[in-house]
Amino acid sequence: CKDVSNSFKLYNGDALRSLTLKCNNFDIVEEILIKLKREI
C-alpha cells in the first residue's frame, strides 16, 4: 500500500478486534497493518 501512515481506514471488524495492539502513539496505525498482514 502507498499510505501506511494514514489513519482514515475501514477495517473488517472481526479481523481488527482479533489483534493485540501495543503501540501508544501514531505508530499504532502501522502496527495494525503489519499485524493484519501477519494474520492473513
PDB file of all heavy atoms in Angstrom:
ATOM      1  N   CYS A   1       0.858  -1.184   0.000  1.00  0.00           N
ATOM      2  CA  CYS A   1       0.000   0.000   0.000  1.00  0.00           C
ATOM      3  C   CYS A   1       0.892   1.231   0.000  1.00  0.00           C
ATOM      4  O   CYS A   1       2.047   1.167   0.399  1.00  0.00           O
ATOM      5  CB  CYS A   1      -0.971  -0.003   1.172  1.00  0.00           C
ATOM      6  SG  CYS A   1      -0.221   0.029   2.787  1.00  0.00           S
ATOM      7  N   LYS A   2       0.326   2.339  -0.461  1.00  0.00           N
ATOM      8  CA  LYS A   2       1.104   3.561  -0.610  1.00  0.00           C
ATOM      9  C   LYS A   2       0.915   4.540   0.542  1.00  0.00           C
ATOM     10  O   LYS A   2       1.546   5.581   0.579  1.00  0.00           O
ATOM     11  CB  LYS A   2       0.726   4.249  -1.920  1.00  0.00           C
ATOM     12  CG  LYS A   2       1.097   3.425  -3.128  1.00  0.00           C
ATOM     13  CD  LYS A   2       0.741   4.138  -4.396  1.00  0.00           C
ATOM     14  CE  LYS A   2       1.132   3.265  -5.577  1.00  0.00           C
ATOM     15  NZ  LYS A   2       0.877   3.919  -6.837  1.00  0.00           N
ATOM     16  N   ASP A   3       0.008   4.226   1.470  1.00  0.00           N
ATOM     17  CA  ASP A   3      -0.292   5.180   2.534  1.00  0.00           C
ATOM     18  C   ASP A   3      -0.458   4.452   3.862  1.00  0.00           C
ATOM     19  O   ASP A   3      -1.532   4.430   4.449  1.00  0.00           O
ATOM     20  CB  ASP A   3      -1.548   5.973   2.175  1.00  0.00           C
ATOM     21  CG  ASP A   3      -1.604   7.318   2.857  1.00  0.00           C
ATOM     22  OD1 ASP A   3      -0.780   7.566   3.761  1.00  0.00           O
ATOM     23  OD2 ASP A   3      -2.467   8.126   2.488  1.00  0.00           O
ATOM     24  N   VAL A   4       0.623   3.881   4.335  1.00  0.00           N
ATOM     25  CA  VAL A   4       0.628   3.097   5.566  1.00  0.00           C
ATOM     26  C   VAL A   4       0.253   3.966   6.763  1.00  0.00           C
ATOM     27  O   VAL A   4      -0.452   3.527   7.667  1.00  0.00           O
ATOM     28  CB  VAL A   4       2.028   2.478   5.802  1.00  0.00           C
ATOM     29  CG1 VAL A   4       2.013   1.505   6.951  1.00  0.00           C
ATOM     30  CG2 VAL A   4       2.548   1.803   4.551  1.00  0.00           C
ATOM     31  N   SER A   5       0.697   5.222   6.766  1.00  0.00           N
ATOM     32  CA  SER A   5       0.556   6.072   7.937  1.00  0.00           C
ATOM     33  C   SER A   5      -0.775   6.820   8.019  1.00  0.00           C
ATOM     34  O   SER A   5      -1.039   7.493   9.012  1.00  0.00           O
ATOM     35  CB  SER A   5       1.708   7.089   7.984  1.00  0.00           C
ATOM     36  OG  SER A   5       1.693   7.904   6.831  1.00  0.00           O
ATOM     37  N   ASN A   6      -1.616   6.692   7.024  1.00  0.00           N
ATOM     38  CA  ASN A   6      -2.913   7.360   7.040  1.00  0.00           C
ATOM     39  C   ASN A   6      -3.850   6.656   8.021  1.00  0.00           C
ATOM     40  O   ASN A   6      -3.957   5.436   8.033  1.00  0.00           O
ATOM     41  CB  ASN A   6      -3.517   7.332   5.633  1.00  0.00           C
ATOM     42  CG  ASN A   6      -4.812   8.093   5.518  1.00  0.00           C
ATOM     43  OD1 ASN A   6      -5.282   8.704   6.459  1.00  0.00           O
ATOM     44  ND2 ASN A   6      -5.387   8.041   4.344  1.00  0.00           N
ATOM     45  N   SER A   7      -4.555   7.428   8.827  1.00  0.00           N
ATOM     46  CA  SER A   7      -5.462   6.816   9.803  1.00  0.00           C
ATOM     47  C   SER A   7      -6.893   6.686   9.290  1.00  0.00           C
ATOM     48  O   SER A   7      -7.719   6.068   9.957  1.00  0.00           O
ATOM     49  CB  SER A   7      -5.453   7.619  11.104  1.00  0.00           C
ATOM     50  OG  SER A   7      -5.839   8.950  10.854  1.00  0.00           O
ATOM     51  N   PHE A   8      -7.211   7.211   8.114  1.00  0.00           N
ATOM     52  CA  PHE A   8      -8.565   7.144   7.550  1.00  0.00           C
ATOM     53  C   PHE A   8      -8.724   5.801   6.848  1.00  0.00           C
ATOM     54  O   PHE A   8      -8.401   5.633   5.684  1.00  0.00           O
ATOM     55  CB  PHE A   8      -8.776   8.310   6.590  1.00  0.00           C
ATOM     56  CG  PHE A   8     -10.200   8.571   6.178  1.00  0.00           C
ATOM     57  CD1 PHE A   8     -11.274   8.003   6.825  1.00  0.00           C
ATOM     58  CD2 PHE A   8     -10.457   9.451   5.138  1.00  0.00           C
ATOM     59  CE1 PHE A   8     -12.584   8.280   6.441  1.00  0.00           C
ATOM     60  CE2 PHE A   8     -11.745   9.737   4.740  1.00  0.00           C
ATOM     61  CZ  PHE A   8     -12.812   9.150   5.387  1.00  0.00           C
ATOM     62  N   LYS A   9      -9.217   4.803   7.625  1.00  0.00           N
ATOM     63  CA  LYS A   9      -9.276   3.432   7.124  1.00  0.00           C
ATOM     64  C   LYS A   9     -10.568   2.759   7.567  1.00  0.00           C
ATOM     65  O   LYS A   9     -11.111   3.043   8.626  1.00  0.00           O
ATOM     66  CB  LYS A   9      -8.097   2.615   7.637  1.00  0.00           C
ATOM     67  CG  LYS A   9      -6.752   3.101   7.130  1.00  0.00           C
ATOM     68  CD  LYS A   9      -5.615   2.270   7.673  1.00  0.00           C
ATOM     69  CE  LYS A   9      -4.311   2.765   7.081  1.00  0.00           C
ATOM     70  NZ  LYS A   9      -3.271   2.898   8.036  1.00  0.00           N
ATOM     71  N   LEU A  10     -11.022   1.832   6.729  1.00  0.00           N
ATOM     72  CA  LEU A  10     -12.176   0.990   7.028  1.00  0.00           C
ATOM     73  C   LEU A  10     -11.672  -0.433   7.179  1.00  0.00           C
ATOM     74  O   LEU A  10     -10.991  -0.944   6.286  1.00  0.00           O
ATOM     75  CB  LEU A  10     -13.205   1.076   5.895  1.00  0.00           C
ATOM     76  CG  LEU A  10     -14.430   0.178   5.997  1.00  0.00           C
ATOM     77  CD1 LEU A  10     -15.289   0.569   7.203  1.00  0.00           C
ATOM     78  CD2 LEU A  10     -15.247   0.252   4.712  1.00  0.00           C
ATOM     79  N   TYR A  11     -11.986  -1.065   8.304  1.00  0.00           N
ATOM     80  CA  TYR A  11     -11.464  -2.394   8.625  1.00  0.00           C
ATOM     81  C   TYR A  11     -12.583  -3.418   8.733  1.00  0.00           C
ATOM     82  O   TYR A  11     -13.710  -3.099   9.121  1.00  0.00           O
ATOM     83  CB  TYR A  11     -10.753  -2.379   9.989  1.00  0.00           C
ATOM     84  CG  TYR A  11      -9.540  -1.511  10.066  1.00  0.00           C
ATOM     85  CD1 TYR A  11      -9.626  -0.221  10.557  1.00  0.00           C
ATOM     86  CD2 TYR A  11      -8.291  -1.993   9.679  1.00  0.00           C
ATOM     87  CE1 TYR A  11      -8.500   0.578  10.664  1.00  0.00           C
ATOM     88  CE2 TYR A  11      -7.167  -1.199   9.788  1.00  0.00           C
ATOM     89  CZ  TYR A  11      -7.280   0.089  10.269  1.00  0.00           C
ATOM     90  OH  TYR A  11      -6.165   0.873  10.373  1.00  0.00           O
ATOM     91  N   ASN A  12     -12.231  -4.669   8.486  1.00  0.00           N
ATOM     92  CA  ASN A  12     -13.077  -5.794   8.865  1.00  0.00           C
ATOM     93  C   ASN A  12     -13.030  -5.835  10.387  1.00  0.00           C
ATOM     94  O   ASN A  12     -11.965  -5.990  10.977  1.00  0.00           O
ATOM     95  CB  ASN A  12     -12.514  -7.081   8.255  1.00  0.00           C
ATOM     96  CG  ASN A  12     -13.214  -8.309   8.756  1.00  0.00           C
ATOM     97  OD1 ASN A  12     -13.280  -8.574   9.952  1.00  0.00           O
ATOM     98  ND2 ASN A  12     -13.734  -9.084   7.831  1.00  0.00           N
ATOM     99  N   GLY A  13     -14.184  -5.671  11.025  1.00  0.00           N
ATOM    100  CA  GLY A  13     -14.233  -5.558  12.476  1.00  0.00           C
ATOM    101  C   GLY A  13     -13.669  -6.768  13.199  1.00  0.00           C
ATOM    102  O   GLY A  13     -12.918  -6.626  14.167  1.00  0.00           O
ATOM    103  N   ASP A  14     -14.026  -7.976  12.743  1.00  0.00           N
ATOM    104  CA  ASP A  14     -13.534  -9.183  13.420  1.00  0.00           C
ATOM    105  C   ASP A  14     -12.021  -9.302  13.317  1.00  0.00           C
ATOM    106  O   ASP A  14     -11.346  -9.636  14.289  1.00  0.00           O
ATOM    107  CB  ASP A  14     -14.206 -10.434  12.846  1.00  0.00           C
ATOM    108  CG  ASP A  14     -15.684 -10.520  13.207  1.00  0.00           C
ATOM    109  OD1 ASP A  14     -16.084  -9.919  14.228  1.00  0.00           O
ATOM    110  OD2 ASP A  14     -16.427 -11.184  12.459  1.00  0.00           O
ATOM    111  N   ALA A  15     -11.480  -9.016  12.122  1.00  0.00           N
ATOM    112  CA  ALA A  15     -10.025  -9.092  11.937  1.00  0.00           C
ATOM    113  C   ALA A  15      -9.324  -8.076  12.825  1.00  0.00           C
ATOM    114  O   ALA A  15      -8.320  -8.390  13.474  1.00  0.00           O
ATOM    115  CB  ALA A  15      -9.672  -8.858  10.470  1.00  0.00           C
ATOM    116  N   LEU A  16      -9.858  -6.876  12.891  1.00  0.00           N
ATOM    117  CA  LEU A  16      -9.249  -5.821  13.700  1.00  0.00           C
ATOM    118  C   LEU A  16      -9.314  -6.144  15.192  1.00  0.00           C
ATOM    119  O   LEU A  16      -8.329  -6.014  15.917  1.00  0.00           O
ATOM    120  CB  LEU A  16      -9.944  -4.491  13.419  1.00  0.00           C
ATOM    121  CG  LEU A  16      -9.368  -3.253  14.071  1.00  0.00           C
ATOM    122  CD1 LEU A  16      -7.910  -3.040  13.679  1.00  0.00           C
ATOM    123  CD2 LEU A  16     -10.201  -2.039  13.703  1.00  0.00           C
ATOM    124  N   ARG A  17     -10.464  -6.622  15.646  1.00  0.00           N
ATOM    125  CA  ARG A  17     -10.619  -6.934  17.073  1.00  0.00           C
ATOM    126  C   ARG A  17      -9.785  -8.141  17.504  1.00  0.00           C
ATOM    127  O   ARG A  17      -9.514  -8.318  18.687  1.00  0.00           O
ATOM    128  CB  ARG A  17     -12.092  -7.159  17.411  1.00  0.00           C
ATOM    129  CG  ARG A  17     -12.893  -5.869  17.502  1.00  0.00           C
ATOM    130  CD  ARG A  17     -14.312  -6.128  17.969  1.00  0.00           C
ATOM    131  NE  ARG A  17     -15.086  -6.857  16.971  1.00  0.00           N
ATOM    132  CZ  ARG A  17     -15.777  -6.294  15.987  1.00  0.00           C
ATOM    133  NH1 ARG A  17     -15.810  -4.981  15.866  1.00  0.00           N
ATOM    134  NH2 ARG A  17     -16.448  -7.026  15.128  1.00  0.00           N
ATOM    135  N   SER A  18      -9.345  -8.954  16.565  1.00  0.00           N
ATOM    136  CA  SER A  18      -8.536 -10.126  16.917  1.00  0.00           C
ATOM    137  C   SER A  18      -7.092  -9.761  17.258  1.00  0.00           C
ATOM    138  O   SER A  18      -6.351 -10.583  17.789  1.00  0.00           O
ATOM    139  CB  SER A  18      -8.543 -11.142  15.765  1.00  0.00           C
ATOM    140  OG  SER A  18      -7.733 -10.693  14.689  1.00  0.00           O
ATOM    141  N   LEU A  19      -6.692  -8.536  16.966  1.00  0.00           N
ATOM    142  CA  LEU A  19      -5.311  -8.109  17.176  1.00  0.00           C
ATOM    143  C   LEU A  19      -5.070  -7.663  18.614  1.00  0.00           C
ATOM    144  O   LEU A  19      -5.939  -7.078  19.247  1.00  0.00           O
ATOM    145  CB  LEU A  19      -4.969  -6.952  16.238  1.00  0.00           C
ATOM    146  CG  LEU A  19      -5.174  -7.178  14.749  1.00  0.00           C
ATOM    147  CD1 LEU A  19      -4.859  -5.897  13.984  1.00  0.00           C
ATOM    148  CD2 LEU A  19      -4.346  -8.341  14.252  1.00  0.00           C
ATOM    149  N   THR A  20      -3.874  -7.924  19.110  1.00  0.00           N
ATOM    150  CA  THR A  20      -3.423  -7.364  20.379  1.00  0.00           C
ATOM    151  C   THR A  20      -2.489  -6.216  20.038  1.00  0.00           C
ATOM    152  O   THR A  20      -1.408  -6.434  19.487  1.00  0.00           O
ATOM    153  CB  THR A  20      -2.688  -8.425  21.225  1.00  0.00           C
ATOM    154  OG1 THR A  20      -3.585  -9.505  21.461  1.00  0.00           O
ATOM    155  CG2 THR A  20      -2.211  -7.845  22.537  1.00  0.00           C
ATOM    156  N   LEU A  21      -2.924  -5.003  20.331  1.00  0.00           N
ATOM    157  CA  LEU A  21      -2.179  -3.808  19.939  1.00  0.00           C
ATOM    158  C   LEU A  21      -1.414  -3.241  21.120  1.00  0.00           C
ATOM    159  O   LEU A  21      -1.961  -3.077  22.205  1.00  0.00           O
ATOM    160  CB  LEU A  21      -3.144  -2.767  19.371  1.00  0.00           C
ATOM    161  CG  LEU A  21      -3.938  -3.246  18.154  1.00  0.00           C
ATOM    162  CD1 LEU A  21      -5.005  -2.228  17.776  1.00  0.00           C
ATOM    163  CD2 LEU A  21      -3.016  -3.542  16.982  1.00  0.00           C
ATOM    164  N   LYS A  22      -0.142  -2.933  20.908  1.00  0.00           N
ATOM    165  CA  LYS A  22       0.753  -2.487  21.984  1.00  0.00           C
ATOM    166  C   LYS A  22       1.204  -1.032  21.841  1.00  0.00           C
ATOM    167  O   LYS A  22       1.529  -0.395  22.834  1.00  0.00           O
ATOM    168  CB  LYS A  22       2.002  -3.371  22.009  1.00  0.00           C
ATOM    169  CG  LYS A  22       1.708  -4.853  22.100  1.00  0.00           C
ATOM    170  CD  LYS A  22       1.739  -5.289  23.506  1.00  0.00           C
ATOM    171  CE  LYS A  22       1.578  -6.814  23.548  1.00  0.00           C
ATOM    172  NZ  LYS A  22       0.946  -7.241  24.747  1.00  0.00           N
ATOM    173  N   CYS A  23       1.284  -0.519  20.606  1.00  0.00           N
ATOM    174  CA  CYS A  23       1.829   0.821  20.389  1.00  0.00           C
ATOM    175  C   CYS A  23       0.958   1.883  21.050  1.00  0.00           C
ATOM    176  O   CYS A  23      -0.259   1.715  21.158  1.00  0.00           O
ATOM    177  CB  CYS A  23       1.963   1.102  18.897  1.00  0.00           C
ATOM    178  SG  CYS A  23       3.234   0.094  18.110  1.00  0.00           S
ATOM    179  N   ASN A  24       1.594   2.971  21.468  1.00  0.00           N
ATOM    180  CA  ASN A  24       0.874   4.020  22.179  1.00  0.00           C
ATOM    181  C   ASN A  24       0.710   5.306  21.392  1.00  0.00           C
ATOM    182  O   ASN A  24      -0.079   6.159  21.770  1.00  0.00           O
ATOM    183  CB  ASN A  24       1.565   4.328  23.506  1.00  0.00           C
ATOM    184  CG  ASN A  24       1.290   3.253  24.522  1.00  0.00           C
ATOM    185  OD1 ASN A  24       0.169   2.775  24.645  1.00  0.00           O
ATOM    186  ND2 ASN A  24       2.318   2.852  25.237  1.00  0.00           N
ATOM    187  N   ASN A  25       1.440   5.467  20.336  1.00  0.00           N
ATOM    188  CA  ASN A  25       1.380   6.708  19.588  1.00  0.00           C
ATOM    189  C   ASN A  25       0.811   6.438  18.201  1.00  0.00           C
ATOM    190  O   ASN A  25       0.144   5.441  17.984  1.00  0.00           O
ATOM    191  CB  ASN A  25       2.768   7.349  19.551  1.00  0.00           C
ATOM    192  CG  ASN A  25       3.234   7.687  20.967  1.00  0.00           C
ATOM    193  OD1 ASN A  25       2.585   8.429  21.686  1.00  0.00           O
ATOM    194  ND2 ASN A  25       4.344   7.097  21.387  1.00  0.00           N
ATOM    195  N   PHE A  26       1.076   7.313  17.267  1.00  0.00           N
ATOM    196  CA  PHE A  26       0.516   7.143  15.929  1.00  0.00           C
ATOM    197  C   PHE A  26       1.069   5.927  15.208  1.00  0.00           C
ATOM    198  O   PHE A  26       0.519   5.494  14.201  1.00  0.00           O
ATOM    199  CB  PHE A  26       0.716   8.418  15.103  1.00  0.00           C
ATOM    200  CG  PHE A  26      -0.136   9.554  15.586  1.00  0.00           C
ATOM    201  CD1 PHE A  26       0.401  10.542  16.376  1.00  0.00           C
ATOM    202  CD2 PHE A  26      -1.488   9.598  15.281  1.00  0.00           C
ATOM    203  CE1 PHE A  26      -0.393  11.581  16.844  1.00  0.00           C
ATOM    204  CE2 PHE A  26      -2.293  10.625  15.740  1.00  0.00           C
ATOM    205  CZ  PHE A  26      -1.741  11.624  16.520  1.00  0.00           C
ATOM    206  N   ASP A  27       2.139   5.321  15.741  1.00  0.00           N
ATOM    207  CA  ASP A  27       2.669   4.104  15.130  1.00  0.00           C
ATOM    208  C   ASP A  27       1.712   2.924  15.262  1.00  0.00           C
ATOM    209  O   ASP A  27       1.893   1.895  14.626  1.00  0.00           O
ATOM    210  CB  ASP A  27       4.047   3.750  15.688  1.00  0.00           C
ATOM    211  CG  ASP A  27       4.091   3.649  17.207  1.00  0.00           C
ATOM    212  OD1 ASP A  27       3.146   4.112  17.886  1.00  0.00           O
ATOM    213  OD2 ASP A  27       5.098   3.132  17.727  1.00  0.00           O
ATOM    214  N   ILE A  28       0.645   3.082  16.035  1.00  0.00           N
ATOM    215  CA  ILE A  28      -0.356   2.026  16.137  1.00  0.00           C
ATOM    216  C   ILE A  28      -1.050   1.820  14.782  1.00  0.00           C
ATOM    217  O   ILE A  28      -1.501   0.724  14.465  1.00  0.00           O
ATOM    218  CB  ILE A  28      -1.387   2.314  17.263  1.00  0.00           C
ATOM    219  CG1 ILE A  28      -2.157   1.023  17.615  1.00  0.00           C
ATOM    220  CG2 ILE A  28      -2.319   3.454  16.891  1.00  0.00           C
ATOM    221  CD1 ILE A  28      -2.962   1.126  18.900  1.00  0.00           C
ATOM    222  N   VAL A  29      -1.090   2.874  13.962  1.00  0.00           N
ATOM    223  CA  VAL A  29      -1.692   2.786  12.630  1.00  0.00           C
ATOM    224  C   VAL A  29      -0.915   1.776  11.775  1.00  0.00           C
ATOM    225  O   VAL A  29      -1.504   0.926  11.107  1.00  0.00           O
ATOM    226  CB  VAL A  29      -1.731   4.183  11.970  1.00  0.00           C
ATOM    227  CG1 VAL A  29      -2.193   4.113  10.539  1.00  0.00           C
ATOM    228  CG2 VAL A  29      -2.603   5.131  12.777  1.00  0.00           C
ATOM    229  N   GLU A  30       0.404   1.857  11.836  1.00  0.00           N
ATOM    230  CA  GLU A  30       1.240   0.899  11.097  1.00  0.00           C
ATOM    231  C   GLU A  30       1.200  -0.475  11.760  1.00  0.00           C
ATOM    232  O   GLU A  30       1.201  -1.501  11.067  1.00  0.00           O
ATOM    233  CB  GLU A  30       2.684   1.405  11.016  1.00  0.00           C
ATOM    234  CG  GLU A  30       2.856   2.646  10.165  1.00  0.00           C
ATOM    235  CD  GLU A  30       2.692   3.955  10.923  1.00  0.00           C
ATOM    236  OE1 GLU A  30       2.425   3.939  12.132  1.00  0.00           O
ATOM    237  OE2 GLU A  30       2.828   5.010  10.289  1.00  0.00           O
ATOM    238  N   GLU A  31       1.183  -0.509  13.086  1.00  0.00           N
ATOM    239  CA  GLU A  31       1.118  -1.781  13.808  1.00  0.00           C
ATOM    240  C   GLU A  31      -0.100  -2.589  13.360  1.00  0.00           C
ATOM    241  O   GLU A  31      -0.001  -3.807  13.153  1.00  0.00           O
ATOM    242  CB  GLU A  31       1.056  -1.540  15.317  1.00  0.00           C
ATOM    243  CG  GLU A  31       0.948  -2.827  16.126  1.00  0.00           C
ATOM    244  CD  GLU A  31       0.709  -2.600  17.607  1.00  0.00           C
ATOM    245  OE1 GLU A  31       0.347  -1.476  18.028  1.00  0.00           O
ATOM    246  OE2 GLU A  31       0.867  -3.575  18.373  1.00  0.00           O
ATOM    247  N   ILE A  32      -1.226  -1.925  13.195  1.00  0.00           N
ATOM    248  CA  ILE A  32      -2.437  -2.622  12.767  1.00  0.00           C
ATOM    249  C   ILE A  32      -2.225  -3.285  11.414  1.00  0.00           C
ATOM    250  O   ILE A  32      -2.534  -4.465  11.234  1.00  0.00           O
ATOM    251  CB  ILE A  32      -3.643  -1.656  12.726  1.00  0.00           C
ATOM    252  CG1 ILE A  32      -4.034  -1.237  14.146  1.00  0.00           C
ATOM    253  CG2 ILE A  32      -4.823  -2.298  12.004  1.00  0.00           C
ATOM    254  CD1 ILE A  32      -5.045  -0.100  14.204  1.00  0.00           C
ATOM    255  N   LEU A  33      -1.681  -2.551  10.444  1.00  0.00           N
ATOM    256  CA  LEU A  33      -1.468  -3.126   9.114  1.00  0.00           C
ATOM    257  C   LEU A  33      -0.485  -4.288   9.140  1.00  0.00           C
ATOM    258  O   LEU A  33      -0.702  -5.311   8.483  1.00  0.00           O
ATOM    259  CB  LEU A  33      -0.976  -2.053   8.141  1.00  0.00           C
ATOM    260  CG  LEU A  33      -1.991  -1.013   7.711  1.00  0.00           C
ATOM    261  CD1 LEU A  33      -1.344  -0.018   6.768  1.00  0.00           C
ATOM    262  CD2 LEU A  33      -3.203  -1.655   7.073  1.00  0.00           C
ATOM    263  N   ILE A  34       0.589  -4.126   9.884  1.00  0.00           N
ATOM    264  CA  ILE A  34       1.601  -5.189   9.970  1.00  0.00           C
ATOM    265  C   ILE A  34       0.995  -6.448  10.581  1.00  0.00           C
ATOM    266  O   ILE A  34       1.182  -7.557  10.075  1.00  0.00           O
ATOM    267  CB  ILE A  34       2.820  -4.703  10.782  1.00  0.00           C
ATOM    268  CG1 ILE A  34       3.557  -3.600  10.008  1.00  0.00           C
ATOM    269  CG2 ILE A  34       3.754  -5.861  11.122  1.00  0.00           C
ATOM    270  CD1 ILE A  34       4.519  -2.786  10.861  1.00  0.00           C
ATOM    271  N   LYS A  35       0.228  -6.296  11.645  1.00  0.00           N
ATOM    272  CA  LYS A  35      -0.368  -7.464  12.304  1.00  0.00           C
ATOM    273  C   LYS A  35      -1.495  -8.071  11.485  1.00  0.00           C
ATOM    274  O   LYS A  35      -1.655  -9.298  11.468  1.00  0.00           O
ATOM    275  CB  LYS A  35      -0.826  -7.096  13.714  1.00  0.00           C
ATOM    276  CG  LYS A  35       0.364  -6.899  14.650  1.00  0.00           C
ATOM    277  CD  LYS A  35      -0.043  -6.615  16.066  1.00  0.00           C
ATOM    278  CE  LYS A  35       1.191  -6.582  16.966  1.00  0.00           C
ATOM    279  NZ  LYS A  35       0.849  -6.290  18.365  1.00  0.00           N
ATOM    280  N   LEU A  36      -2.266  -7.259  10.772  1.00  0.00           N
ATOM    281  CA  LEU A  36      -3.287  -7.822   9.881  1.00  0.00           C
ATOM    282  C   LEU A  36      -2.643  -8.647   8.783  1.00  0.00           C
ATOM    283  O   LEU A  36      -3.112  -9.735   8.452  1.00  0.00           O
ATOM    284  CB  LEU A  36      -4.137  -6.697   9.248  1.00  0.00           C
ATOM    285  CG  LEU A  36      -5.244  -6.107  10.073  1.00  0.00           C
ATOM    286  CD1 LEU A  36      -5.900  -4.942   9.334  1.00  0.00           C
ATOM    287  CD2 LEU A  36      -6.282  -7.149  10.454  1.00  0.00           C
ATOM    288  N   LYS A  37      -1.549  -8.127   8.208  1.00  0.00           N
ATOM    289  CA  LYS A  37      -0.833  -8.862   7.165  1.00  0.00           C
ATOM    290  C   LYS A  37      -0.313 -10.188   7.709  1.00  0.00           C
ATOM    291  O   LYS A  37      -0.436 -11.229   7.063  1.00  0.00           O
ATOM    292  CB  LYS A  37       0.314  -8.029   6.613  1.00  0.00           C
ATOM    293  CG  LYS A  37       1.086  -8.723   5.492  1.00  0.00           C
ATOM    294  CD  LYS A  37       2.183  -7.836   4.981  1.00  0.00           C
ATOM    295  CE  LYS A  37       2.876  -8.411   3.785  1.00  0.00           C
ATOM    296  NZ  LYS A  37       3.633  -9.602   4.025  1.00  0.00           N
ATOM    297  N   ARG A  38       0.247 -10.168   8.910  1.00  0.00           N
ATOM    298  CA  ARG A  38       0.771 -11.385   9.528  1.00  0.00           C
ATOM    299  C   ARG A  38      -0.349 -12.403   9.755  1.00  0.00           C
ATOM    300  O   ARG A  38      -0.166 -13.595   9.510  1.00  0.00           O
ATOM    301  CB  ARG A  38       1.457 -11.047  10.842  1.00  0.00           C
ATOM    302  CG  ARG A  38       2.155 -12.239  11.473  1.00  0.00           C
ATOM    303  CD  ARG A  38       2.885 -11.885  12.734  1.00  0.00           C
ATOM    304  NE  ARG A  38       1.936 -11.428  13.729  1.00  0.00           N
ATOM    305  CZ  ARG A  38       2.213 -10.616  14.731  1.00  0.00           C
ATOM    306  NH1 ARG A  38       3.415 -10.132  14.878  1.00  0.00           N
ATOM    307  NH2 ARG A  38       1.281 -10.244  15.584  1.00  0.00           N
ATOM    308  N   GLU A  39      -1.531 -11.950  10.192  1.00  0.00           N
ATOM    309  CA  GLU A  39      -2.664 -12.849  10.413  1.00  0.00           C
ATOM    310  C   GLU A  39      -3.112 -13.488   9.102  1.00  0.00           C
ATOM    311  O   GLU A  39      -3.457 -14.657   9.065  1.00  0.00           O
ATOM    312  CB  GLU A  39      -3.833 -12.086  11.044  1.00  0.00           C
ATOM    313  CG  GLU A  39      -3.606 -11.686  12.475  1.00  0.00           C
ATOM    314  CD  GLU A  39      -3.513 -12.873  13.428  1.00  0.00           C
ATOM    315  OE1 GLU A  39      -4.322 -13.815  13.283  1.00  0.00           O
ATOM    316  OE2 GLU A  39      -2.631 -12.856  14.304  1.00  0.00           O
ATOM    317  N   ILE A  40      -3.137 -12.704   8.023  1.00  0.00           N
ATOM    318  CA  ILE A  40      -3.553 -13.226   6.730  1.00  0.00           C
ATOM    319  C   ILE A  40      -2.578 -14.283   6.237  1.00  0.00           C
ATOM    320  O   ILE A  40      -2.978 -15.294   5.668  1.00  0.00           O
ATOM    321  CB  ILE A  40      -3.663 -12.074   5.705  1.00  0.00           C
ATOM    322  CG1 ILE A  40      -4.830 -11.153   6.087  1.00  0.00           C
ATOM    323  CG2 ILE A  40      -3.837 -12.596   4.296  1.00  0.00           C
ATOM    324  CD1 ILE A  40      -4.846  -9.837   5.360  1.00  0.00           C
TER     325      ILE A  40
END
